[in-house]
Full PDB file with SEQRES, HELIX, SHEET, SSBOND, CRYST1, ORIGX, SCALE, CONECT and MASTER records, all heavy atoms in Angstrom:
SEQRES   1 A   34  SER ILE PHE GLY ASP SER TYR ALA ASP THR LEU ASN ILE          
SEQRES   2 A   34  PHE PHE ASP PRO GLY PHE ILE THR LEU TYR GLY ASN ASN          
SEQRES   3 A   34  ASP TRP THR ALA ILE ASP ASN ALA                              
HELIX    1 AA1 PRO A   17  TYR A   23  5                                   7    
SHEET    1 AA1 2 ILE A   2  ASP A   5  0                                        
SHEET    2 AA1 2 THR A  10  ILE A  13 -1                                        
CRYST1    1.000    1.000    1.000  90.00  90.00  90.00 P 1           1          
ORIGX1      1.000000  0.000000  0.000000        0.00000                         
ORIGX2      0.000000  1.000000  0.000000        0.00000                         
ORIGX3      0.000000  0.000000  1.000000        0.00000                         
SCALE1      1.000000  0.000000  0.000000        0.00000                         
SCALE2      0.000000  1.000000  0.000000        0.00000                         
SCALE3      0.000000  0.000000  1.000000        0.00000                         
ATOM      1  N   SER A   1     -42.846 -43.199  33.657  1.00  0.00           N  
ATOM      2  CA  SER A   1     -42.635 -44.311  32.725  1.00  0.00           C  
ATOM      3  C   SER A   1     -43.705 -44.304  31.635  1.00  0.00           C  
ATOM      4  O   SER A   1     -44.756 -43.686  31.788  1.00  0.00           O  
ATOM      5  CB  SER A   1     -42.663 -45.660  33.456  1.00  0.00           C  
ATOM      6  OG  SER A   1     -43.940 -45.902  34.021  1.00  0.00           O  
ATOM      7  N   ILE A   2     -43.386 -44.996  30.551  1.00  0.00           N  
ATOM      8  CA  ILE A   2     -44.331 -45.213  29.462  1.00  0.00           C  
ATOM      9  C   ILE A   2     -44.172 -46.652  28.985  1.00  0.00           C  
ATOM     10  O   ILE A   2     -43.060 -47.142  28.846  1.00  0.00           O  
ATOM     11  CB  ILE A   2     -44.070 -44.260  28.273  1.00  0.00           C  
ATOM     12  CG1 ILE A   2     -44.243 -42.801  28.692  1.00  0.00           C  
ATOM     13  CG2 ILE A   2     -45.017 -44.566  27.118  1.00  0.00           C  
ATOM     14  CD1 ILE A   2     -43.938 -41.818  27.576  1.00  0.00           C  
ATOM     15  N   PHE A   3     -45.280 -47.318  28.760  1.00  0.00           N  
ATOM     16  CA  PHE A   3     -45.232 -48.648  28.159  1.00  0.00           C  
ATOM     17  C   PHE A   3     -46.421 -48.785  27.221  1.00  0.00           C  
ATOM     18  O   PHE A   3     -47.374 -48.010  27.290  1.00  0.00           O  
ATOM     19  CB  PHE A   3     -45.233 -49.752  29.218  1.00  0.00           C  
ATOM     20  CG  PHE A   3     -46.452 -49.762  30.110  1.00  0.00           C  
ATOM     21  CD1 PHE A   3     -47.532 -50.579  29.818  1.00  0.00           C  
ATOM     22  CD2 PHE A   3     -46.520 -48.959  31.235  1.00  0.00           C  
ATOM     23  CE1 PHE A   3     -48.661 -50.599  30.628  1.00  0.00           C  
ATOM     24  CE2 PHE A   3     -47.632 -48.962  32.058  1.00  0.00           C  
ATOM     25  CZ  PHE A   3     -48.710 -49.794  31.754  1.00  0.00           C  
ATOM     26  N   GLY A   4     -46.355 -49.736  26.327  1.00  0.00           N  
ATOM     27  CA  GLY A   4     -47.460 -49.883  25.385  1.00  0.00           C  
ATOM     28  C   GLY A   4     -47.218 -50.966  24.365  1.00  0.00           C  
ATOM     29  O   GLY A   4     -46.380 -51.847  24.555  1.00  0.00           O  
ATOM     30  N   ASP A   5     -47.940 -50.882  23.279  1.00  0.00           N  
ATOM     31  CA  ASP A   5     -47.897 -51.867  22.188  1.00  0.00           C  
ATOM     32  C   ASP A   5     -47.627 -51.097  20.902  1.00  0.00           C  
ATOM     33  O   ASP A   5     -48.487 -50.338  20.437  1.00  0.00           O  
ATOM     34  CB  ASP A   5     -49.238 -52.610  22.127  1.00  0.00           C  
ATOM     35  CG  ASP A   5     -49.254 -53.714  21.079  1.00  0.00           C  
ATOM     36  OD1 ASP A   5     -48.472 -53.634  20.110  1.00  0.00           O  
ATOM     37  OD2 ASP A   5     -50.066 -54.648  21.218  1.00  0.00           O  
ATOM     38  N   SER A   6     -46.449 -51.278  20.342  1.00  0.00           N  
ATOM     39  CA  SER A   6     -46.089 -50.518  19.139  1.00  0.00           C  
ATOM     40  C   SER A   6     -46.940 -50.920  17.944  1.00  0.00           C  
ATOM     41  O   SER A   6     -47.200 -50.098  17.059  1.00  0.00           O  
ATOM     42  CB  SER A   6     -44.610 -50.708  18.814  1.00  0.00           C  
ATOM     43  OG  SER A   6     -44.300 -52.079  18.639  1.00  0.00           O  
ATOM     44  N   TYR A   7     -47.404 -52.171  17.903  1.00  0.00           N  
ATOM     45  CA  TYR A   7     -48.240 -52.604  16.787  1.00  0.00           C  
ATOM     46  C   TYR A   7     -49.626 -51.963  16.862  1.00  0.00           C  
ATOM     47  O   TYR A   7     -50.191 -51.547  15.859  1.00  0.00           O  
ATOM     48  CB  TYR A   7     -48.385 -54.131  16.777  1.00  0.00           C  
ATOM     49  CG  TYR A   7     -47.141 -54.876  16.336  1.00  0.00           C  
ATOM     50  CD1 TYR A   7     -47.085 -56.263  16.395  1.00  0.00           C  
ATOM     51  CD2 TYR A   7     -46.031 -54.200  15.865  1.00  0.00           C  
ATOM     52  CE1 TYR A   7     -45.943 -56.946  15.994  1.00  0.00           C  
ATOM     53  CE2 TYR A   7     -44.889 -54.865  15.470  1.00  0.00           C  
ATOM     54  CZ  TYR A   7     -44.847 -56.240  15.535  1.00  0.00           C  
ATOM     55  OH  TYR A   7     -43.728 -56.908  15.139  1.00  0.00           O  
ATOM     56  N   ALA A   8     -50.166 -51.887  18.076  1.00  0.00           N  
ATOM     57  CA  ALA A   8     -51.510 -51.325  18.265  1.00  0.00           C  
ATOM     58  C   ALA A   8     -51.478 -49.814  18.500  1.00  0.00           C  
ATOM     59  O   ALA A   8     -52.523 -49.185  18.628  1.00  0.00           O  
ATOM     60  CB  ALA A   8     -52.206 -52.008  19.441  1.00  0.00           C  
ATOM     61  N   ASP A   9     -50.261 -49.253  18.553  1.00  0.00           N  
ATOM     62  CA  ASP A   9     -50.085 -47.813  18.764  1.00  0.00           C  
ATOM     63  C   ASP A   9     -50.690 -47.345  20.085  1.00  0.00           C  
ATOM     64  O   ASP A   9     -51.277 -46.264  20.177  1.00  0.00           O  
ATOM     65  CB  ASP A   9     -50.685 -47.013  17.596  1.00  0.00           C  
ATOM     66  CG  ASP A   9     -50.387 -45.515  17.715  1.00  0.00           C  
ATOM     67  OD1 ASP A   9     -49.312 -45.171  18.216  1.00  0.00           O  
ATOM     68  OD2 ASP A   9     -51.251 -44.710  17.317  1.00  0.00           O  
ATOM     69  N   THR A  10     -50.576 -48.169  21.126  1.00  0.00           N  
ATOM     70  CA  THR A  10     -51.089 -47.768  22.439  1.00  0.00           C  
ATOM     71  C   THR A  10     -49.955 -47.233  23.303  1.00  0.00           C  
ATOM     72  O   THR A  10     -48.825 -47.715  23.237  1.00  0.00           O  
ATOM     73  CB  THR A  10     -51.766 -48.948  23.159  1.00  0.00           C  
ATOM     74  OG1 THR A  10     -50.832 -50.020  23.292  1.00  0.00           O  
ATOM     75  CG2 THR A  10     -52.985 -49.425  22.392  1.00  0.00           C  
ATOM     76  N   LEU A  11     -50.277 -46.243  24.099  1.00  0.00           N  
ATOM     77  CA  LEU A  11     -49.325 -45.653  25.035  1.00  0.00           C  
ATOM     78  C   LEU A  11     -49.967 -45.600  26.409  1.00  0.00           C  
ATOM     79  O   LEU A  11     -51.107 -45.157  26.551  1.00  0.00           O  
ATOM     80  CB  LEU A  11     -48.945 -44.237  24.606  1.00  0.00           C  
ATOM     81  CG  LEU A  11     -48.144 -44.069  23.310  1.00  0.00           C  
ATOM     82  CD1 LEU A  11     -48.036 -42.585  22.969  1.00  0.00           C  
ATOM     83  CD2 LEU A  11     -46.763 -44.682  23.439  1.00  0.00           C  
ATOM     84  N   ASN A  12     -49.254 -46.070  27.410  1.00  0.00           N  
ATOM     85  CA  ASN A  12     -49.696 -46.007  28.801  1.00  0.00           C  
ATOM     86  C   ASN A  12     -48.673 -45.165  29.557  1.00  0.00           C  
ATOM     87  O   ASN A  12     -47.511 -45.563  29.689  1.00  0.00           O  
ATOM     88  CB  ASN A  12     -49.800 -47.405  29.402  1.00  0.00           C  
ATOM     89  CG  ASN A  12     -50.805 -48.266  28.666  1.00  0.00           C  
ATOM     90  OD1 ASN A  12     -52.007 -48.141  28.857  1.00  0.00           O  
ATOM     91  ND2 ASN A  12     -50.318 -49.136  27.791  1.00  0.00           N  
ATOM     92  N   ILE A  13     -49.102 -44.016  30.012  1.00  0.00           N  
ATOM     93  CA  ILE A  13     -48.189 -43.031  30.595  1.00  0.00           C  
ATOM     94  C   ILE A  13     -48.461 -42.905  32.088  1.00  0.00           C  
ATOM     95  O   ILE A  13     -49.612 -42.847  32.520  1.00  0.00           O  
ATOM     96  CB  ILE A  13     -48.356 -41.674  29.886  1.00  0.00           C  
ATOM     97  CG1 ILE A  13     -48.021 -41.851  28.395  1.00  0.00           C  
ATOM     98  CG2 ILE A  13     -47.486 -40.604  30.526  1.00  0.00           C  
ATOM     99  CD1 ILE A  13     -48.386 -40.679  27.528  1.00  0.00           C  
ATOM    100  N   PHE A  14     -47.369 -42.870  32.869  1.00  0.00           N  
ATOM    101  CA  PHE A  14     -47.497 -42.894  34.325  1.00  0.00           C  
ATOM    102  C   PHE A  14     -46.831 -41.664  34.944  1.00  0.00           C  
ATOM    103  O   PHE A  14     -45.644 -41.420  34.739  1.00  0.00           O  
ATOM    104  CB  PHE A  14     -46.846 -44.167  34.886  1.00  0.00           C  
ATOM    105  CG  PHE A  14     -46.910 -44.298  36.376  1.00  0.00           C  
ATOM    106  CD1 PHE A  14     -48.085 -44.713  37.001  1.00  0.00           C  
ATOM    107  CD2 PHE A  14     -45.812 -44.016  37.164  1.00  0.00           C  
ATOM    108  CE1 PHE A  14     -48.145 -44.843  38.378  1.00  0.00           C  
ATOM    109  CE2 PHE A  14     -45.864 -44.139  38.536  1.00  0.00           C  
ATOM    110  CZ  PHE A  14     -47.031 -44.549  39.150  1.00  0.00           C  
ATOM    111  N   PHE A  15     -47.629 -40.876  35.674  1.00  0.00           N  
ATOM    112  CA  PHE A  15     -47.113 -39.779  36.490  1.00  0.00           C  
ATOM    113  C   PHE A  15     -47.018 -40.256  37.939  1.00  0.00           C  
ATOM    114  O   PHE A  15     -47.992 -40.771  38.489  1.00  0.00           O  
ATOM    115  CB  PHE A  15     -48.051 -38.570  36.443  1.00  0.00           C  
ATOM    116  CG  PHE A  15     -47.951 -37.735  35.202  1.00  0.00           C  
ATOM    117  CD1 PHE A  15     -48.814 -37.953  34.142  1.00  0.00           C  
ATOM    118  CD2 PHE A  15     -47.005 -36.726  35.091  1.00  0.00           C  
ATOM    119  CE1 PHE A  15     -48.747 -37.178  32.993  1.00  0.00           C  
ATOM    120  CE2 PHE A  15     -46.919 -35.943  33.952  1.00  0.00           C  
ATOM    121  CZ  PHE A  15     -47.789 -36.169  32.893  1.00  0.00           C  
ATOM    122  N   ASP A  16     -45.861 -40.059  38.554  1.00  0.00           N  
ATOM    123  CA  ASP A  16     -45.707 -40.408  39.956  1.00  0.00           C  
ATOM    124  C   ASP A  16     -46.637 -39.546  40.811  1.00  0.00           C  
ATOM    125  O   ASP A  16     -46.815 -38.350  40.536  1.00  0.00           O  
ATOM    126  CB  ASP A  16     -44.259 -40.171  40.386  1.00  0.00           C  
ATOM    127  CG  ASP A  16     -43.976 -40.728  41.763  1.00  0.00           C  
ATOM    128  OD1 ASP A  16     -44.338 -40.062  42.761  1.00  0.00           O  
ATOM    129  OD2 ASP A  16     -43.391 -41.815  41.852  1.00  0.00           O  
ATOM    130  N   PRO A  17     -47.264 -40.113  41.859  1.00  0.00           N  
ATOM    131  CA  PRO A  17     -48.113 -39.299  42.745  1.00  0.00           C  
ATOM    132  C   PRO A  17     -47.384 -38.092  43.333  1.00  0.00           C  
ATOM    133  O   PRO A  17     -48.005 -37.068  43.632  1.00  0.00           O  
ATOM    134  CB  PRO A  17     -48.526 -40.289  43.838  1.00  0.00           C  
ATOM    135  CG  PRO A  17     -48.508 -41.621  43.146  1.00  0.00           C  
ATOM    136  CD  PRO A  17     -47.344 -41.564  42.204  1.00  0.00           C  
ATOM    137  N   GLY A  18     -46.055 -38.210  43.477  1.00  0.00           N  
ATOM    138  CA  GLY A  18     -45.283 -37.098  44.015  1.00  0.00           C  
ATOM    139  C   GLY A  18     -45.244 -35.888  43.098  1.00  0.00           C  
ATOM    140  O   GLY A  18     -44.822 -34.800  43.515  1.00  0.00           O  
ATOM    141  N   PHE A  19     -45.717 -36.054  41.866  1.00  0.00           N  
ATOM    142  CA  PHE A  19     -45.778 -34.939  40.911  1.00  0.00           C  
ATOM    143  C   PHE A  19     -46.616 -33.792  41.474  1.00  0.00           C  
ATOM    144  O   PHE A  19     -46.410 -32.633  41.118  1.00  0.00           O  
ATOM    145  CB  PHE A  19     -46.378 -35.448  39.599  1.00  0.00           C  
ATOM    146  CG  PHE A  19     -46.318 -34.492  38.442  1.00  0.00           C  
ATOM    147  CD1 PHE A  19     -45.143 -34.299  37.738  1.00  0.00           C  
ATOM    148  CD2 PHE A  19     -47.446 -33.794  38.048  1.00  0.00           C  
ATOM    149  CE1 PHE A  19     -45.084 -33.416  36.656  1.00  0.00           C  
ATOM    150  CE2 PHE A  19     -47.405 -32.910  36.970  1.00  0.00           C  
ATOM    151  CZ  PHE A  19     -46.219 -32.723  36.280  1.00  0.00           C  
ATOM    152  N   ILE A  20     -47.544 -34.129  42.382  1.00  0.00           N  
ATOM    153  CA  ILE A  20     -48.419 -33.114  42.967  1.00  0.00           C  
ATOM    154  C   ILE A  20     -47.613 -32.054  43.720  1.00  0.00           C  
ATOM    155  O   ILE A  20     -48.052 -30.906  43.856  1.00  0.00           O  
ATOM    156  CB  ILE A  20     -49.456 -33.779  43.924  1.00  0.00           C  
ATOM    157  CG1 ILE A  20     -50.581 -32.805  44.277  1.00  0.00           C  
ATOM    158  CG2 ILE A  20     -48.779 -34.283  45.179  1.00  0.00           C  
ATOM    159  CD1 ILE A  20     -51.464 -32.457  43.130  1.00  0.00           C  
ATOM    160  N   THR A  21     -46.433 -32.431  44.209  1.00  0.00           N  
ATOM    161  CA  THR A  21     -45.596 -31.505  44.967  1.00  0.00           C  
ATOM    162  C   THR A  21     -45.231 -30.274  44.146  1.00  0.00           C  
ATOM    163  O   THR A  21     -45.049 -29.180  44.691  1.00  0.00           O  
ATOM    164  CB  THR A  21     -44.304 -32.218  45.421  1.00  0.00           C  
ATOM    165  OG1 THR A  21     -44.642 -33.440  46.067  1.00  0.00           O  
ATOM    166  CG2 THR A  21     -43.509 -31.350  46.381  1.00  0.00           C  
ATOM    167  N   LEU A  22     -45.132 -30.440  42.825  1.00  0.00           N  
ATOM    168  CA  LEU A  22     -44.758 -29.322  41.962  1.00  0.00           C  
ATOM    169  C   LEU A  22     -45.796 -28.195  41.993  1.00  0.00           C  
ATOM    170  O   LEU A  22     -45.502 -27.065  41.615  1.00  0.00           O  
ATOM    171  CB  LEU A  22     -44.568 -29.807  40.525  1.00  0.00           C  
ATOM    172  CG  LEU A  22     -43.475 -30.860  40.305  1.00  0.00           C  
ATOM    173  CD1 LEU A  22     -43.428 -31.277  38.850  1.00  0.00           C  
ATOM    174  CD2 LEU A  22     -42.119 -30.323  40.748  1.00  0.00           C  
ATOM    175  N   TYR A  23     -47.011 -28.528  42.431  1.00  0.00           N  
ATOM    176  CA  TYR A  23     -48.076 -27.527  42.482  1.00  0.00           C  
ATOM    177  C   TYR A  23     -48.032 -26.710  43.774  1.00  0.00           C  
ATOM    178  O   TYR A  23     -48.771 -25.735  43.911  1.00  0.00           O  
ATOM    179  CB  TYR A  23     -49.437 -28.199  42.310  1.00  0.00           C  
ATOM    180  CG  TYR A  23     -49.648 -28.718  40.902  1.00  0.00           C  
ATOM    181  CD1 TYR A  23     -49.113 -29.928  40.500  1.00  0.00           C  
ATOM    182  CD2 TYR A  23     -50.365 -27.977  39.970  1.00  0.00           C  
ATOM    183  CE1 TYR A  23     -49.282 -30.400  39.192  1.00  0.00           C  
ATOM    184  CE2 TYR A  23     -50.543 -28.432  38.675  1.00  0.00           C  
ATOM    185  CZ  TYR A  23     -49.996 -29.640  38.294  1.00  0.00           C  
ATOM    186  OH  TYR A  23     -50.160 -30.094  37.010  1.00  0.00           O  
ATOM    187  N   GLY A  24     -47.156 -27.139  44.723  1.00  0.00           N  
ATOM    188  CA  GLY A  24     -46.947 -26.388  45.947  1.00  0.00           C  
ATOM    189  C   GLY A  24     -48.241 -25.997  46.626  1.00  0.00           C  
ATOM    190  O   GLY A  24     -49.219 -26.750  46.639  1.00  0.00           O  
ATOM    191  N   ASN A  25     -48.258 -24.810  47.198  1.00  0.00           N  
ATOM    192  CA  ASN A  25     -49.450 -24.267  47.844  1.00  0.00           C  
ATOM    193  C   ASN A  25     -50.103 -23.284  46.867  1.00  0.00           C  
ATOM    194  O   ASN A  25     -49.931 -22.079  46.955  1.00  0.00           O  
ATOM    195  CB  ASN A  25     -49.067 -23.575  49.154  1.00  0.00           C  
ATOM    196  CG  ASN A  25     -50.283 -23.117  49.922  1.00  0.00           C  
ATOM    197  OD1 ASN A  25     -51.411 -23.504  49.602  1.00  0.00           O  
ATOM    198  ND2 ASN A  25     -50.073 -22.289  50.936  1.00  0.00           N  
ATOM    199  N   ASN A  26     -50.823 -23.886  45.899  1.00  0.00           N  
ATOM    200  CA  ASN A  26     -51.451 -23.113  44.826  1.00  0.00           C  
ATOM    201  C   ASN A  26     -50.431 -22.413  43.919  1.00  0.00           C  
ATOM    202  O   ASN A  26     -50.707 -21.350  43.362  1.00  0.00           O  
ATOM    203  CB  ASN A  26     -52.430 -22.080  45.394  1.00  0.00           C  
ATOM    204  CG  ASN A  26     -53.622 -22.748  46.058  1.00  0.00           C  
ATOM    205  OD1 ASN A  26     -54.148 -23.732  45.553  1.00  0.00           O  
ATOM    206  ND2 ASN A  26     -54.033 -22.222  47.202  1.00  0.00           N  
ATOM    207  N   ASP A  27     -49.258 -23.041  43.747  1.00  0.00           N  
ATOM    208  CA  ASP A  27     -48.226 -22.496  42.858  1.00  0.00           C  
ATOM    209  C   ASP A  27     -48.402 -23.062  41.453  1.00  0.00           C  
ATOM    210  O   ASP A  27     -47.544 -23.788  40.937  1.00  0.00           O  
ATOM    211  CB  ASP A  27     -46.828 -22.823  43.404  1.00  0.00           C  
ATOM    212  CG  ASP A  27     -46.514 -22.062  44.673  1.00  0.00           C  
ATOM    213  OD1 ASP A  27     -46.617 -20.828  44.649  1.00  0.00           O  
ATOM    214  OD2 ASP A  27     -46.187 -22.709  45.687  1.00  0.00           O  
ATOM    215  N   TRP A  28     -49.532 -22.754  40.841  1.00  0.00           N  
ATOM    216  CA  TRP A  28     -49.821 -23.239  39.498  1.00  0.00           C  
ATOM    217  C   TRP A  28     -50.696 -22.226  38.778  1.00  0.00           C  
ATOM    218  O   TRP A  28     -51.256 -21.319  39.394  1.00  0.00           O  
ATOM    219  CB  TRP A  28     -50.515 -24.606  39.555  1.00  0.00           C  
ATOM    220  CG  TRP A  28     -51.806 -24.629  40.327  1.00  0.00           C  
ATOM    221  CD1 TRP A  28     -51.938 -24.734  41.688  1.00  0.00           C  
ATOM    222  CD2 TRP A  28     -53.136 -24.521  39.809  1.00  0.00           C  
ATOM    223  NE1 TRP A  28     -53.268 -24.706  42.050  1.00  0.00           N  
ATOM    224  CE2 TRP A  28     -54.025 -24.572  40.901  1.00  0.00           C  
ATOM    225  CE3 TRP A  28     -53.660 -24.387  38.516  1.00  0.00           C  
ATOM    226  CZ2 TRP A  28     -55.409 -24.504  40.749  1.00  0.00           C  
ATOM    227  CZ3 TRP A  28     -55.046 -24.315  38.366  1.00  0.00           C  
ATOM    228  CH2 TRP A  28     -55.898 -24.380  39.461  1.00  0.00           C  
ATOM    229  N   THR A  29     -50.788 -22.405  37.466  1.00  0.00           N  
ATOM    230  CA  THR A  29     -51.570 -21.494  36.640  1.00  0.00           C  
ATOM    231  C   THR A  29     -52.448 -22.301  35.695  1.00  0.00           C  
ATOM    232  O   THR A  29     -51.996 -23.318  35.142  1.00  0.00           O  
ATOM    233  CB  THR A  29     -50.650 -20.569  35.823  1.00  0.00           C  
ATOM    234  OG1 THR A  29     -49.821 -19.822  36.727  1.00  0.00           O  
ATOM    235  CG2 THR A  29     -51.451 -19.611  34.957  1.00  0.00           C  
ATOM    236  N   ALA A  30     -53.676 -21.865  35.504  1.00  0.00           N  
ATOM    237  CA  ALA A  30     -54.579 -22.514  34.551  1.00  0.00           C  
ATOM    238  C   ALA A  30     -54.370 -21.854  33.191  1.00  0.00           C  
ATOM    239  O   ALA A  30     -54.651 -20.666  33.028  1.00  0.00           O  
ATOM    240  CB  ALA A  30     -56.025 -22.362  35.003  1.00  0.00           C  
ATOM    241  N   ILE A  31     -53.858 -22.620  32.234  1.00  0.00           N  
ATOM    242  CA  ILE A  31     -53.619 -22.066  30.902  1.00  0.00           C  
ATOM    243  C   ILE A  31     -54.701 -22.558  29.946  1.00  0.00           C  
ATOM    244  O   ILE A  31     -55.254 -23.647  30.110  1.00  0.00           O  
ATOM    245  CB  ILE A  31     -52.224 -22.421  30.374  1.00  0.00           C  
ATOM    246  CG1 ILE A  31     -52.081 -23.933  30.168  1.00  0.00           C  
ATOM    247  CG2 ILE A  31     -51.150 -21.913  31.307  1.00  0.00           C  
ATOM    248  CD1 ILE A  31     -50.846 -24.295  29.398  1.00  0.00           C  
ATOM    249  N   ASP A  32     -54.989 -21.755  28.960  1.00  0.00           N  
ATOM    250  CA  ASP A  32     -56.051 -22.053  28.009  1.00  0.00           C  
ATOM    251  C   ASP A  32     -55.638 -23.189  27.090  1.00  0.00           C  
ATOM    252  O   ASP A  32     -54.595 -23.139  26.435  1.00  0.00           O  
ATOM    253  CB  ASP A  32     -56.364 -20.806  27.182  1.00  0.00           C  
ATOM    254  CG  ASP A  32     -57.703 -20.901  26.461  1.00  0.00           C  
ATOM    255  OD1 ASP A  32     -58.033 -22.003  25.993  1.00  0.00           O  
ATOM    256  OD2 ASP A  32     -58.402 -19.880  26.372  1.00  0.00           O  
ATOM    257  N   ASN A  33     -56.459 -24.231  27.035  1.00  0.00           N  
ATOM    258  CA  ASN A  33     -56.179 -25.397  26.194  1.00  0.00           C  
ATOM    259  C   ASN A  33     -56.052 -25.003  24.729  1.00  0.00           C  
ATOM    260  O   ASN A  33     -55.234 -25.548  23.983  1.00  0.00           O  
ATOM    261  CB  ASN A  33     -57.299 -26.434  26.360  1.00  0.00           C  
ATOM    262  CG  ASN A  33     -56.824 -27.838  26.091  1.00  0.00           C  
ATOM    263  OD1 ASN A  33     -55.829 -28.031  25.402  1.00  0.00           O  
ATOM    264  ND2 ASN A  33     -57.533 -28.814  26.615  1.00  0.00           N  
ATOM    265  N   ALA A  34     -56.846 -24.040  24.321  1.00  0.00           N  
ATOM    266  CA  ALA A  34     -56.825 -23.618  22.918  1.00  0.00           C  
ATOM    267  C   ALA A  34     -55.479 -23.004  22.532  1.00  0.00           C  
ATOM    268  O   ALA A  34     -55.032 -23.143  21.386  1.00  0.00           O  
ATOM    269  CB  ALA A  34     -57.945 -22.619  22.650  1.00  0.00           C  
TER     270      ALA A  34                                                      
MASTER        0    0    0    1    2    0    0    6  269    1    0    3          
END                                                                             
């Protein structure tokens, strides 16, 4: 979900704790921010 204040341009973003499941047993990759 996302909620916020359009006048103040604020965004509050929510990731479900279950999102961690997508990472499996080290099934993830560290990508360069740049």
